[in-house]
Amino acid sequence: MKHRAERLPIWRDATRLLLEIEQAVRKFLRYHKYVLGSDLRRQAMTLCRWVTRAAHAEALETREQALSRLTLAVEDLKLSIQLAKELEAFTGFAEFARIAELAVAVGKQSGGVAQERPGQGTARS
């Protein structure tokens, strides 16, 4: 049985982002792998945790707090991704672009999820 978070598109994109970052960091030069790479991995894992916490929160206030933290975590990760690009840590622009696009998608979805109410479906009458 799937957890509530696993049914959400934001979960799918957050986990894809984590996997893309894992694969990219493996190819980083040693100089970037152990500091910048570790930070990127940690930040991507944090996104997944906040998505899960927001999805499982019963109280609206708890959910809003989780979504607020998720939004801040996405912004922090996007900054680190940009820094990695500037430091030429990625093997190429295409790798950076895939990761950046996923980070933007997660950021947009975190704002959209914040506007929904718990238990509210996406179908409209």
PDB file of N, CA and C in Angstrom:
ATOM      1  N   MET A   1       0.842  -1.186   0.000  1.00  0.00           N
ATOM      2  CA  MET A   1       0.000   0.000   0.000  1.00  0.00           C
ATOM      3  C   MET A   1       0.885   1.246   0.000  1.00  0.00           C
ATOM      4  N   LYS A   2       0.528   2.201  -0.831  1.00  0.00           N
ATOM      5  CA  LYS A   2       1.320   3.425  -0.940  1.00  0.00           C
ATOM      6  C   LYS A   2       0.967   4.395   0.185  1.00  0.00           C
ATOM      7  N   HIS A   3       1.977   5.118   0.617  1.00  0.00           N
ATOM      8  CA  HIS A   3       1.752   6.188   1.586  1.00  0.00           C
ATOM      9  C   HIS A   3       1.088   7.354   0.866  1.00  0.00           C
ATOM     10  N   ARG A   4       0.471   8.210   1.625  1.00  0.00           N
ATOM     11  CA  ARG A   4      -0.236   9.362   1.071  1.00  0.00           C
ATOM     12  C   ARG A   4       0.674  10.214   0.196  1.00  0.00           C
ATOM     13  N   ALA A   5       1.903  10.437   0.623  1.00  0.00           N
ATOM     14  CA  ALA A   5       2.827  11.294  -0.132  1.00  0.00           C
ATOM     15  C   ALA A   5       3.185  10.695  -1.479  1.00  0.00           C
ATOM     16  N   GLU A   6       3.268   9.370  -1.551  1.00  0.00           N
ATOM     17  CA  GLU A   6       3.699   8.709  -2.787  1.00  0.00           C
ATOM     18  C   GLU A   6       2.709   8.872  -3.928  1.00  0.00           C
ATOM     19  N   ARG A   7       1.496   9.266  -3.625  1.00  0.00           N
ATOM     20  CA  ARG A   7       0.477   9.476  -4.659  1.00  0.00           C
ATOM     21  C   ARG A   7       0.555  10.880  -5.256  1.00  0.00           C
ATOM     22  N   LEU A   8       1.324  11.755  -4.659  1.00  0.00           N
ATOM     23  CA  LEU A   8       1.366  13.153  -5.079  1.00  0.00           C
ATOM     24  C   LEU A   8       2.422  13.401  -6.154  1.00  0.00           C
ATOM     25  N   PRO A   9       2.093  14.219  -7.161  1.00  0.00           N
ATOM     26  CA  PRO A   9       3.090  14.566  -8.181  1.00  0.00           C
ATOM     27  C   PRO A   9       4.326  15.239  -7.584  1.00  0.00           C
ATOM     28  N   ILE A  10       4.148  16.019  -6.525  1.00  0.00           N
ATOM     29  CA  ILE A  10       5.286  16.682  -5.903  1.00  0.00           C
ATOM     30  C   ILE A  10       6.262  15.650  -5.315  1.00  0.00           C
ATOM     31  N   TRP A  11       5.723  14.539  -4.804  1.00  0.00           N
ATOM     32  CA  TRP A  11       6.589  13.470  -4.282  1.00  0.00           C
ATOM     33  C   TRP A  11       7.388  12.850  -5.421  1.00  0.00           C
ATOM     34  N   ARG A  12       6.701  12.581  -6.532  1.00  0.00           N
ATOM     35  CA  ARG A  12       7.371  12.000  -7.693  1.00  0.00           C
ATOM     36  C   ARG A  12       8.518  12.905  -8.155  1.00  0.00           C
ATOM     37  N   ASP A  13       8.249  14.200  -8.258  1.00  0.00           N
ATOM     38  CA  ASP A  13       9.277  15.126  -8.731  1.00  0.00           C
ATOM     39  C   ASP A  13      10.397  15.314  -7.706  1.00  0.00           C
ATOM     40  N   ALA A  14      10.048  15.338  -6.426  1.00  0.00           N
ATOM     41  CA  ALA A  14      11.078  15.482  -5.387  1.00  0.00           C
ATOM     42  C   ALA A  14      12.005  14.276  -5.363  1.00  0.00           C
ATOM     43  N   THR A  15      11.454  13.081  -5.528  1.00  0.00           N
ATOM     44  CA  THR A  15      12.308  11.887  -5.529  1.00  0.00           C
ATOM     45  C   THR A  15      13.126  11.809  -6.817  1.00  0.00           C
ATOM     46  N   ARG A  16      12.548  12.222  -7.950  1.00  0.00           N
ATOM     47  CA  ARG A  16      13.333  12.279  -9.194  1.00  0.00           C
ATOM     48  C   ARG A  16      14.479  13.272  -9.048  1.00  0.00           C
ATOM     49  N   LEU A  17      14.205  14.402  -8.408  1.00  0.00           N
ATOM     50  CA  LEU A  17      15.243  15.402  -8.165  1.00  0.00           C
ATOM     51  C   LEU A  17      16.357  14.815  -7.303  1.00  0.00           C
ATOM     52  N   LEU A  18      15.977  14.107  -6.257  1.00  0.00           N
ATOM     53  CA  LEU A  18      16.971  13.466  -5.392  1.00  0.00           C
ATOM     54  C   LEU A  18      17.836  12.485  -6.189  1.00  0.00           C
ATOM     55  N   LEU A  19      17.208  11.669  -7.022  1.00  0.00           N
ATOM     56  CA  LEU A  19      17.956  10.698  -7.820  1.00  0.00           C
ATOM     57  C   LEU A  19      18.864  11.377  -8.837  1.00  0.00           C
ATOM     58  N   GLU A  20      18.391  12.424  -9.478  1.00  0.00           N
ATOM     59  CA  GLU A  20      19.225  13.164 -10.438  1.00  0.00           C
ATOM     60  C   GLU A  20      20.429  13.788  -9.745  1.00  0.00           C
ATOM     61  N   ILE A  21      20.203  14.339  -8.554  1.00  0.00           N
ATOM     62  CA  ILE A  21      21.311  14.937  -7.806  1.00  0.00           C
ATOM     63  C   ILE A  21      22.311  13.866  -7.391  1.00  0.00           C
ATOM     64  N   GLU A  22      21.820  12.719  -6.928  1.00  0.00           N
ATOM     65  CA  GLU A  22      22.717  11.613  -6.560  1.00  0.00           C
ATOM     66  C   GLU A  22      23.600  11.218  -7.739  1.00  0.00           C
ATOM     67  N   GLN A  23      23.000  11.072  -8.906  1.00  0.00           N
ATOM     68  CA  GLN A  23      23.762  10.670 -10.085  1.00  0.00           C
ATOM     69  C   GLN A  23      24.757  11.748 -10.499  1.00  0.00           C
ATOM     70  N   ALA A  24      24.370  13.003 -10.408  1.00  0.00           N
ATOM     71  CA  ALA A  24      25.260  14.103 -10.791  1.00  0.00           C
ATOM     72  C   ALA A  24      26.449  14.209  -9.841  1.00  0.00           C
ATOM     73  N   VAL A  25      26.184  14.095  -8.548  1.00  0.00           N
ATOM     74  CA  VAL A  25      27.247  14.244  -7.546  1.00  0.00           C
ATOM     75  C   VAL A  25      28.298  13.143  -7.685  1.00  0.00           C
ATOM     76  N   ARG A  26      27.875  11.963  -8.089  1.00  0.00           N
ATOM     77  CA  ARG A  26      28.838  10.874  -8.311  1.00  0.00           C
ATOM     78  C   ARG A  26      29.907  11.260  -9.328  1.00  0.00           C
ATOM     79  N   LYS A  27      29.542  12.134 -10.261  1.00  0.00           N
ATOM     80  CA  LYS A  27      30.466  12.537 -11.316  1.00  0.00           C
ATOM     81  C   LYS A  27      31.214  13.835 -10.992  1.00  0.00           C
ATOM     82  N   PHE A  28      30.916  14.449  -9.858  1.00  0.00           N
ATOM     83  CA  PHE A  28      31.631  15.668  -9.474  1.00  0.00           C
ATOM     84  C   PHE A  28      33.112  15.346  -9.267  1.00  0.00           C
ATOM     85  N   LEU A  29      33.938  16.332  -9.529  1.00  0.00           N
ATOM     86  CA  LEU A  29      35.352  16.194  -9.182  1.00  0.00           C
ATOM     87  C   LEU A  29      35.476  16.086  -7.668  1.00  0.00           C
ATOM     88  N   ARG A  30      36.516  15.452  -7.225  1.00  0.00           N
ATOM     89  CA  ARG A  30      36.725  15.244  -5.796  1.00  0.00           C
ATOM     90  C   ARG A  30      36.633  16.560  -5.012  1.00  0.00           C
ATOM     91  N   TYR A  31      37.123  17.625  -5.597  1.00  0.00           N
ATOM     92  CA  TYR A  31      37.129  18.933  -4.941  1.00  0.00           C
ATOM     93  C   TYR A  31      35.713  19.373  -4.550  1.00  0.00           C
ATOM     94  N   HIS A  32      34.720  19.074  -5.376  1.00  0.00           N
ATOM     95  CA  HIS A  32      33.328  19.497  -5.115  1.00  0.00           C
ATOM     96  C   HIS A  32      32.467  18.406  -4.493  1.00  0.00           C
ATOM     97  N   LYS A  33      32.866  17.167  -4.657  1.00  0.00           N
ATOM     98  CA  LYS A  33      32.017  16.038  -4.268  1.00  0.00           C
ATOM     99  C   LYS A  33      31.702  16.009  -2.774  1.00  0.00           C
ATOM    100  N   TYR A  34      32.663  16.313  -1.927  1.00  0.00           N
ATOM    101  CA  TYR A  34      32.494  16.067  -0.496  1.00  0.00           C
ATOM    102  C   TYR A  34      31.939  17.242   0.293  1.00  0.00           C
ATOM    103  N   VAL A  35      31.893  18.419  -0.291  1.00  0.00           N
ATOM    104  CA  VAL A  35      31.266  19.541   0.406  1.00  0.00           C
ATOM    105  C   VAL A  35      29.999  19.951  -0.344  1.00  0.00           C
ATOM    106  N   LEU A  36      30.167  20.465  -1.530  1.00  0.00           N
ATOM    107  CA  LEU A  36      29.014  20.898  -2.320  1.00  0.00           C
ATOM    108  C   LEU A  36      28.101  19.712  -2.633  1.00  0.00           C
ATOM    109  N   GLY A  37      28.672  18.591  -3.012  1.00  0.00           N
ATOM    110  CA  GLY A  37      27.885  17.401  -3.315  1.00  0.00           C
ATOM    111  C   GLY A  37      27.105  16.910  -2.111  1.00  0.00           C
ATOM    112  N   SER A  38      27.741  16.893  -0.955  1.00  0.00           N
ATOM    113  CA  SER A  38      27.052  16.469   0.273  1.00  0.00           C
ATOM    114  C   SER A  38      25.915  17.410   0.619  1.00  0.00           C
ATOM    115  N   ASP A  39      26.143  18.704   0.433  1.00  0.00           N
ATOM    116  CA  ASP A  39      25.081  19.684   0.701  1.00  0.00           C
ATOM    117  C   ASP A  39      23.892  19.473  -0.241  1.00  0.00           C
ATOM    118  N   LEU A  40      24.161  19.257  -1.514  1.00  0.00           N
ATOM    119  CA  LEU A  40      23.075  19.031  -2.467  1.00  0.00           C
ATOM    120  C   LEU A  40      22.280  17.778  -2.106  1.00  0.00           C
ATOM    121  N   ARG A  41      22.974  16.717  -1.757  1.00  0.00           N
ATOM    122  CA  ARG A  41      22.293  15.474  -1.365  1.00  0.00           C
ATOM    123  C   ARG A  41      21.418  15.693  -0.130  1.00  0.00           C
ATOM    124  N   ARG A  42      21.986  16.346   0.870  1.00  0.00           N
ATOM    125  CA  ARG A  42      21.259  16.591   2.117  1.00  0.00           C
ATOM    126  C   ARG A  42      20.031  17.462   1.860  1.00  0.00           C
ATOM    127  N   GLN A  43      20.196  18.500   1.056  1.00  0.00           N
ATOM    128  CA  GLN A  43      19.074  19.394   0.773  1.00  0.00           C
ATOM    129  C   GLN A  43      17.967  18.679  -0.004  1.00  0.00           C
ATOM    130  N   ALA A  44      18.330  17.832  -0.947  1.00  0.00           N
ATOM    131  CA  ALA A  44      17.325  17.088  -1.712  1.00  0.00           C
ATOM    132  C   ALA A  44      16.583  16.104  -0.811  1.00  0.00           C
ATOM    133  N   MET A  45      17.295  15.469   0.110  1.00  0.00           N
ATOM    134  CA  MET A  45      16.643  14.552   1.046  1.00  0.00           C
ATOM    135  C   MET A  45      15.700  15.317   1.970  1.00  0.00           C
ATOM    136  N   THR A  46      16.095  16.504   2.367  1.00  0.00           N
ATOM    137  CA  THR A  46      15.252  17.344   3.216  1.00  0.00           C
ATOM    138  C   THR A  46      13.941  17.686   2.498  1.00  0.00           C
ATOM    139  N   LEU A  47      14.012  17.968   1.197  1.00  0.00           N
ATOM    140  CA  LEU A  47      12.786  18.239   0.435  1.00  0.00           C
ATOM    141  C   LEU A  47      11.824  17.060   0.526  1.00  0.00           C
ATOM    142  N   CYS A  48      12.350  15.864   0.327  1.00  0.00           N
ATOM    143  CA  CYS A  48      11.503  14.668   0.388  1.00  0.00           C
ATOM    144  C   CYS A  48      10.873  14.517   1.771  1.00  0.00           C
ATOM    145  N   ARG A  49      11.643  14.806   2.800  1.00  0.00           N
ATOM    146  CA  ARG A  49      11.094  14.715   4.163  1.00  0.00           C
ATOM    147  C   ARG A  49       9.964  15.714   4.379  1.00  0.00           C
ATOM    148  N   TRP A  50      10.130  16.958   3.913  1.00  0.00           N
ATOM    149  CA  TRP A  50       9.093  17.969   4.114  1.00  0.00           C
ATOM    150  C   TRP A  50       7.845  17.658   3.295  1.00  0.00           C
ATOM    151  N   VAL A  51       8.008  17.081   2.115  1.00  0.00           N
ATOM    152  CA  VAL A  51       6.837  16.660   1.334  1.00  0.00           C
ATOM    153  C   VAL A  51       6.050  15.615   2.124  1.00  0.00           C
ATOM    154  N   THR A  52       6.768  14.651   2.687  1.00  0.00           N
ATOM    155  CA  THR A  52       6.116  13.598   3.468  1.00  0.00           C
ATOM    156  C   THR A  52       5.424  14.176   4.694  1.00  0.00           C
ATOM    157  N   ARG A  53       6.090  15.065   5.404  1.00  0.00           N
ATOM    158  CA  ARG A  53       5.491  15.658   6.608  1.00  0.00           C
ATOM    159  C   ARG A  53       4.243  16.456   6.266  1.00  0.00           C
ATOM    160  N   ALA A  54       4.279  17.207   5.174  1.00  0.00           N
ATOM    161  CA  ALA A  54       3.112  17.991   4.775  1.00  0.00           C
ATOM    162  C   ALA A  54       1.956  17.070   4.376  1.00  0.00           C
ATOM    163  N   ALA A  55       2.265  16.000   3.677  1.00  0.00           N
ATOM    164  CA  ALA A  55       1.217  15.077   3.224  1.00  0.00           C
ATOM    165  C   ALA A  55       0.567  14.333   4.376  1.00  0.00           C
ATOM    166  N   HIS A  56       1.315  14.070   5.429  1.00  0.00           N
ATOM    167  CA  HIS A  56       0.796  13.286   6.546  1.00  0.00           C
ATOM    168  C   HIS A  56       0.258  14.147   7.685  1.00  0.00           C
ATOM    169  N   ALA A  57       0.422  15.463   7.583  1.00  0.00           N
ATOM    170  CA  ALA A  57      -0.043  16.346   8.652  1.00  0.00           C
ATOM    171  C   ALA A  57      -1.567  16.347   8.705  1.00  0.00           C
ATOM    172  N   GLU A  58      -2.102  16.121   9.875  1.00  0.00           N
ATOM    173  CA  GLU A  58      -3.561  16.125  10.066  1.00  0.00           C
ATOM    174  C   GLU A  58      -4.069  17.537  10.321  1.00  0.00           C
ATOM    175  N   ALA A  59      -3.355  18.282  11.138  1.00  0.00           N
ATOM    176  CA  ALA A  59      -3.786  19.637  11.486  1.00  0.00           C
ATOM    177  C   ALA A  59      -3.343  20.624  10.402  1.00  0.00           C
ATOM    178  N   LEU A  60      -4.220  21.539  10.059  1.00  0.00           N
ATOM    179  CA  LEU A  60      -3.934  22.537   9.029  1.00  0.00           C
ATOM    180  C   LEU A  60      -2.695  23.355   9.389  1.00  0.00           C
ATOM    181  N   GLU A  61      -2.569  23.737  10.647  1.00  0.00           N
ATOM    182  CA  GLU A  61      -1.430  24.551  11.074  1.00  0.00           C
ATOM    183  C   GLU A  61      -0.112  23.788  10.889  1.00  0.00           C
ATOM    184  N   THR A  62      -0.106  22.525  11.232  1.00  0.00           N
ATOM    185  CA  THR A  62       1.091  21.695  11.070  1.00  0.00           C
ATOM    186  C   THR A  62       1.438  21.556   9.588  1.00  0.00           C
ATOM    187  N   ARG A  63       0.419  21.366   8.775  1.00  0.00           N
ATOM    188  CA  ARG A  63       0.626  21.242   7.328  1.00  0.00           C
ATOM    189  C   ARG A  63       1.189  22.529   6.749  1.00  0.00           C
ATOM    190  N   GLU A  64       0.641  23.654   7.164  1.00  0.00           N
ATOM    191  CA  GLU A  64       1.125  24.944   6.669  1.00  0.00           C
ATOM    192  C   GLU A  64       2.568  25.191   7.077  1.00  0.00           C
ATOM    193  N   GLN A  65       2.940  24.794   8.285  1.00  0.00           N
ATOM    194  CA  GLN A  65       4.324  24.929   8.733  1.00  0.00           C
ATOM    195  C   GLN A  65       5.263  24.069   7.889  1.00  0.00           C
ATOM    196  N   ALA A  66       4.838  22.840   7.609  1.00  0.00           N
ATOM    197  CA  ALA A  66       5.651  21.940   6.787  1.00  0.00           C
ATOM    198  C   ALA A  66       5.804  22.505   5.376  1.00  0.00           C
ATOM    199  N   LEU A  67       4.737  23.031   4.821  1.00  0.00           N
ATOM    200  CA  LEU A  67       4.804  23.602   3.474  1.00  0.00           C
ATOM    201  C   LEU A  67       5.665  24.857   3.435  1.00  0.00           C
ATOM    202  N   SER A  68       5.619  25.634   4.492  1.00  0.00           N
ATOM    203  CA  SER A  68       6.476  26.813   4.576  1.00  0.00           C
ATOM    204  C   SER A  68       7.948  26.411   4.603  1.00  0.00           C
ATOM    205  N   ARG A  69       8.260  25.401   5.387  1.00  0.00           N
ATOM    206  CA  ARG A  69       9.641  24.895   5.440  1.00  0.00           C
ATOM    207  C   ARG A  69      10.054  24.280   4.114  1.00  0.00           C
ATOM    208  N   LEU A  70       9.120  23.588   3.464  1.00  0.00           N
ATOM    209  CA  LEU A  70       9.388  22.997   2.157  1.00  0.00           C
ATOM    210  C   LEU A  70       9.739  24.086   1.149  1.00  0.00           C
ATOM    211  N   THR A  71       8.977  25.163   1.143  1.00  0.00           N
ATOM    212  CA  THR A  71       9.231  26.266   0.218  1.00  0.00           C
ATOM    213  C   THR A  71      10.618  26.863   0.444  1.00  0.00           C
ATOM    214  N   LEU A  72      10.985  27.065   1.706  1.00  0.00           N
ATOM    215  CA  LEU A  72      12.323  27.588   2.021  1.00  0.00           C
ATOM    216  C   LEU A  72      13.414  26.599   1.609  1.00  0.00           C
ATOM    217  N   ALA A  73      13.163  25.313   1.816  1.00  0.00           N
ATOM    218  CA  ALA A  73      14.140  24.291   1.450  1.00  0.00           C
ATOM    219  C   ALA A  73      14.355  24.250  -0.064  1.00  0.00           C
ATOM    220  N   VAL A  74      13.279  24.440  -0.827  1.00  0.00           N
ATOM    221  CA  VAL A  74      13.406  24.470  -2.290  1.00  0.00           C
ATOM    222  C   VAL A  74      14.263  25.655  -2.714  1.00  0.00           C
ATOM    223  N   GLU A  75      14.022  26.806  -2.111  1.00  0.00           N
ATOM    224  CA  GLU A  75      14.811  27.995  -2.462  1.00  0.00           C
ATOM    225  C   GLU A  75      16.291  27.801  -2.121  1.00  0.00           C
ATOM    226  N   ASP A  76      16.566  27.207  -0.982  1.00  0.00           N
ATOM    227  CA  ASP A  76      17.958  26.918  -0.605  1.00  0.00           C
ATOM    228  C   ASP A  76      18.613  25.967  -1.603  1.00  0.00           C
ATOM    229  N   LEU A  77      17.874  24.932  -2.002  1.00  0.00           N
ATOM    230  CA  LEU A  77      18.413  23.964  -2.951  1.00  0.00           C
ATOM    231  C   LEU A  77      18.668  24.614  -4.302  1.00  0.00           C
ATOM    232  N   LYS A  78      17.747  25.461  -4.762  1.00  0.00           N
ATOM    233  CA  LYS A  78      17.943  26.132  -6.049  1.00  0.00           C
ATOM    234  C   LYS A  78      19.195  27.010  -6.025  1.00  0.00           C
ATOM    235  N   LEU A  79      19.447  27.646  -4.908  1.00  0.00           N
ATOM    236  CA  LEU A  79      20.662  28.454  -4.761  1.00  0.00           C
ATOM    237  C   LEU A  79      21.917  27.571  -4.853  1.00  0.00           C
ATOM    238  N   SER A  80      21.884  26.422  -4.206  1.00  0.00           N
ATOM    239  CA  SER A  80      23.031  25.503  -4.250  1.00  0.00           C
ATOM    240  C   SER A  80      23.234  24.938  -5.653  1.00  0.00           C
ATOM    241  N   ILE A  81      22.154  24.661  -6.352  1.00  0.00           N
ATOM    242  CA  ILE A  81      22.249  24.160  -7.728  1.00  0.00           C
ATOM    243  C   ILE A  81      22.900  25.220  -8.622  1.00  0.00           C
ATOM    244  N   GLN A  82      22.480  26.456  -8.447  1.00  0.00           N
ATOM    245  CA  GLN A  82      23.064  27.551  -9.230  1.00  0.00           C
ATOM    246  C   GLN A  82      24.546  27.715  -8.909  1.00  0.00           C
ATOM    247  N   LEU A  83      24.891  27.612  -7.649  1.00  0.00           N
ATOM    248  CA  LEU A  83      26.294  27.708  -7.247  1.00  0.00           C
ATOM    249  C   LEU A  83      27.111  26.585  -7.878  1.00  0.00           C
ATOM    250  N   ALA A  84      26.573  25.375  -7.869  1.00  0.00           N
ATOM    251  CA  ALA A  84      27.275  24.240  -8.483  1.00  0.00           C
ATOM    252  C   ALA A  84      27.489  24.485  -9.976  1.00  0.00           C
ATOM    253  N   LYS A  85      26.519  25.104 -10.621  1.00  0.00           N
ATOM    254  CA  LYS A  85      26.678  25.443 -12.045  1.00  0.00           C
ATOM    255  C   LYS A  85      27.807  26.452 -12.222  1.00  0.00           C
ATOM    256  N   GLU A  86      27.791  27.488 -11.408  1.00  0.00           N
ATOM    257  CA  GLU A  86      28.824  28.525 -11.505  1.00  0.00           C
ATOM    258  C   GLU A  86      30.220  27.959 -11.250  1.00  0.00           C
ATOM    259  N   LEU A  87      30.314  26.979 -10.375  1.00  0.00           N
ATOM    260  CA  LEU A  87      31.606  26.349 -10.065  1.00  0.00           C
ATOM    261  C   LEU A  87      31.969  25.245 -11.059  1.00  0.00           C
ATOM    262  N   GLU A  88      31.093  25.048 -12.053  1.00  0.00           N
ATOM    263  CA  GLU A  88      31.294  24.040 -13.094  1.00  0.00           C
ATOM    264  C   GLU A  88      31.428  22.631 -12.521  1.00  0.00           C
ATOM    265  N   ALA A  89      30.618  22.354 -11.510  1.00  0.00           N
ATOM    266  CA  ALA A  89      30.635  21.030 -10.882  1.00  0.00           C
ATOM    267  C   ALA A  89      29.889  20.001 -11.731  1.00  0.00           C
ATOM    268  N   PHE A  90      28.860  20.434 -12.466  1.00  0.00           N
ATOM    269  CA  PHE A  90      28.102  19.514 -13.307  1.00  0.00           C
ATOM    270  C   PHE A  90      28.915  19.157 -14.537  1.00  0.00           C
ATOM    271  N   THR A  91      28.653  17.973 -15.099  1.00  0.00           N
ATOM    272  CA  THR A  91      29.407  17.528 -16.271  1.00  0.00           C
ATOM    273  C   THR A  91      29.019  18.289 -17.528  1.00  0.00           C
ATOM    274  N   GLY A  92      27.868  18.912 -17.515  1.00  0.00           N
ATOM    275  CA  GLY A  92      27.431  19.682 -18.672  1.00  0.00           C
ATOM    276  C   GLY A  92      26.177  20.464 -18.370  1.00  0.00           C
ATOM    277  N   PHE A  93      25.800  21.320 -19.302  1.00  0.00           N
ATOM    278  CA  PHE A  93      24.634  22.158 -19.096  1.00  0.00           C
ATOM    279  C   PHE A  93      23.353  21.331 -19.037  1.00  0.00           C
ATOM    280  N   ALA A  94      23.272  20.267 -19.830  1.00  0.00           N
ATOM    281  CA  ALA A  94      22.057  19.437 -19.856  1.00  0.00           C
ATOM    282  C   ALA A  94      21.774  18.842 -18.475  1.00  0.00           C
ATOM    283  N   GLU A  95      22.813  18.410 -17.792  1.00  0.00           N
ATOM    284  CA  GLU A  95      22.650  17.847 -16.443  1.00  0.00           C
ATOM    285  C   GLU A  95      22.127  18.920 -15.488  1.00  0.00           C
ATOM    286  N   PHE A  96      22.725  20.099 -15.545  1.00  0.00           N
ATOM    287  CA  PHE A  96      22.265  21.221 -14.725  1.00  0.00           C
ATOM    288  C   PHE A  96      20.810  21.555 -15.044  1.00  0.00           C
ATOM    289  N   ALA A  97      20.468  21.619 -16.336  1.00  0.00           N
ATOM    290  CA  ALA A  97      19.117  22.005 -16.760  1.00  0.00           C
ATOM    291  C   ALA A  97      18.071  21.022 -16.236  1.00  0.00           C
ATOM    292  N   ARG A  98      18.341  19.715 -16.311  1.00  0.00           N
ATOM    293  CA  ARG A  98      17.389  18.711 -15.798  1.00  0.00           C
ATOM    294  C   ARG A  98      17.137  18.919 -14.309  1.00  0.00           C
ATOM    295  N   ILE A  99      18.202  19.113 -13.563  1.00  0.00           N
ATOM    296  CA  ILE A  99      18.095  19.286 -12.116  1.00  0.00           C
ATOM    297  C   ILE A  99      17.384  20.591 -11.778  1.00  0.00           C
ATOM    298  N   ALA A 100      17.746  21.662 -12.465  1.00  0.00           N
ATOM    299  CA  ALA A 100      17.116  22.962 -12.211  1.00  0.00           C
ATOM    300  C   ALA A 100      15.622  22.922 -12.532  1.00  0.00           C
ATOM    301  N   GLU A 101      15.254  22.276 -13.632  1.00  0.00           N
ATOM    302  CA  GLU A 101      13.837  22.184 -14.003  1.00  0.00           C
ATOM    303  C   GLU A 101      13.038  21.410 -12.962  1.00  0.00           C
ATOM    304  N   LEU A 102      13.603  20.339 -12.445  1.00  0.00           N
ATOM    305  CA  LEU A 102      12.915  19.588 -11.395  1.00  0.00           C
ATOM    306  C   LEU A 102      12.766  20.423 -10.127  1.00  0.00           C
ATOM    307  N   ALA A 103      13.802  21.175  -9.774  1.00  0.00           N
ATOM    308  CA  ALA A 103      13.731  22.021  -8.581  1.00  0.00           C
ATOM    309  C   ALA A 103      12.649  23.092  -8.740  1.00  0.00           C
ATOM    310  N   VAL A 104      12.558  23.681  -9.914  1.00  0.00           N
ATOM    311  CA  VAL A 104      11.518  24.681 -10.177  1.00  0.00           C
ATOM    312  C   VAL A 104      10.130  24.037 -10.101  1.00  0.00           C
ATOM    313  N   ALA A 105       9.993  22.837 -10.656  1.00  0.00           N
ATOM    314  CA  ALA A 105       8.701  22.129 -10.619  1.00  0.00           C
ATOM    315  C   ALA A 105       8.273  21.841  -9.184  1.00  0.00           C
ATOM    316  N   VAL A 106       9.207  21.392  -8.364  1.00  0.00           N
ATOM    317  CA  VAL A 106       8.884  21.122  -6.956  1.00  0.00           C
ATOM    318  C   VAL A 106       8.491  22.421  -6.258  1.00  0.00           C
ATOM    319  N   GLY A 107       9.195  23.501  -6.551  1.00  0.00           N
ATOM    320  CA  GLY A 107       8.866  24.795  -5.954  1.00  0.00           C
ATOM    321  C   GLY A 107       7.477  25.267  -6.325  1.00  0.00           C
ATOM    322  N   LYS A 108       7.118  25.135  -7.599  1.00  0.00           N
ATOM    323  CA  LYS A 108       5.774  25.538  -8.043  1.00  0.00           C
ATOM    324  C   LYS A 108       4.703  24.683  -7.373  1.00  0.00           C
ATOM    325  N   GLN A 109       4.962  23.387  -7.297  1.00  0.00           N
ATOM    326  CA  GLN A 109       3.980  22.491  -6.692  1.00  0.00           C
ATOM    327  C   GLN A 109       3.834  22.742  -5.200  1.00  0.00           C
ATOM    328  N   SER A 110       4.907  23.097  -4.535  1.00  0.00           N
ATOM    329  CA  SER A 110       4.802  23.354  -3.090  1.00  0.00           C
ATOM    330  C   SER A 110       3.899  24.550  -2.837  1.00  0.00           C
ATOM    331  N   GLY A 111       3.931  25.534  -3.715  1.00  0.00           N
ATOM    332  CA  GLY A 111       3.021  26.672  -3.598  1.00  0.00           C
ATOM    333  C   GLY A 111       1.586  26.272  -3.873  1.00  0.00           C
ATOM    334  N   GLY A 112       1.373  25.395  -4.850  1.00  0.00           N
ATOM    335  CA  GLY A 112       0.035  24.924  -5.189  1.00  0.00           C
ATOM    336  C   GLY A 112      -0.557  24.055  -4.104  1.00  0.00           C
ATOM    337  N   VAL A 113       0.258  23.180  -3.523  1.00  0.00           N
ATOM    338  CA  VAL A 113      -0.207  22.306  -2.448  1.00  0.00           C
ATOM    339  C   VAL A 113      -0.593  23.146  -1.237  1.00  0.00           C
ATOM    340  N   ALA A 114       0.122  24.223  -1.004  1.00  0.00           N
ATOM    341  CA  ALA A 114      -0.155  25.074   0.151  1.00  0.00           C
ATOM    342  C   ALA A 114      -1.541  25.713   0.052  1.00  0.00           C
ATOM    343  N   GLN A 115      -2.051  25.881  -1.166  1.00  0.00           N
ATOM    344  CA  GLN A 115      -3.352  26.522  -1.340  1.00  0.00           C
ATOM    345  C   GLN A 115      -4.519  25.550  -1.165  1.00  0.00           C
ATOM    346  N   GLU A 116      -4.236  24.235  -1.239  1.00  0.00           N
ATOM    347  CA  GLU A 116      -5.287  23.232  -1.055  1.00  0.00           C
ATOM    348  C   GLU A 116      -5.534  23.008   0.430  1.00  0.00           C
ATOM    349  N   ARG A 117      -6.703  22.531   0.752  1.00  0.00           N
ATOM    350  CA  ARG A 117      -7.054  22.157   2.122  1.00  0.00           C
ATOM    351  C   ARG A 117      -6.880  20.654   2.296  1.00  0.00           C
ATOM    352  N   PRO A 118      -6.527  20.208   3.501  1.00  0.00           N
ATOM    353  CA  PRO A 118      -6.417  18.756   3.720  1.00  0.00           C
ATOM    354  C   PRO A 118      -7.730  18.056   3.397  1.00  0.00           C
ATOM    355  N   GLY A 119      -7.630  16.911   2.698  1.00  0.00           N
ATOM    356  CA  GLY A 119      -8.815  16.143   2.362  1.00  0.00           C
ATOM    357  C   GLY A 119      -9.544  16.653   1.135  1.00  0.00           C
ATOM    358  N   GLN A 120      -9.115  17.795   0.609  1.00  0.00           N
ATOM    359  CA  GLN A 120      -9.770  18.368  -0.553  1.00  0.00           C
ATOM    360  C   GLN A 120      -9.199  17.706  -1.799  1.00  0.00           C
ATOM    361  N   GLY A 121     -10.062  17.216  -2.662  1.00  0.00           N
ATOM    362  CA  GLY A 121      -9.621  16.584  -3.900  1.00  0.00           C
ATOM    363  C   GLY A 121      -9.303  17.610  -4.957  1.00  0.00           C
ATOM    364  N   THR A 122      -8.756  17.132  -6.074  1.00  0.00           N
ATOM    365  CA  THR A 122      -8.433  18.034  -7.163  1.00  0.00           C
ATOM    366  C   THR A 122      -9.593  18.176  -8.142  1.00  0.00           C
ATOM    367  N   ALA A 123     -10.603  17.297  -8.022  1.00  0.00           N
ATOM    368  CA  ALA A 123     -11.751  17.388  -8.926  1.00  0.00           C
ATOM    369  C   ALA A 123     -12.631  18.576  -8.548  1.00  0.00           C
ATOM    370  N   ARG A 124     -13.134  19.227  -9.544  1.00  0.00           N
ATOM    371  CA  ARG A 124     -13.990  20.392  -9.304  1.00  0.00           C
ATOM    372  C   ARG A 124     -15.386  20.080  -9.815  1.00  0.00           C
ATOM    373  N   SER A 125     -16.409  20.611  -9.101  1.00  0.00           N
ATOM    374  CA  SER A 125     -17.767  20.368  -9.573  1.00  0.00           C
ATOM    375  C   SER A 125     -18.252  21.503 -10.434  1.00  0.00           C
TER     376      SER A 125
END
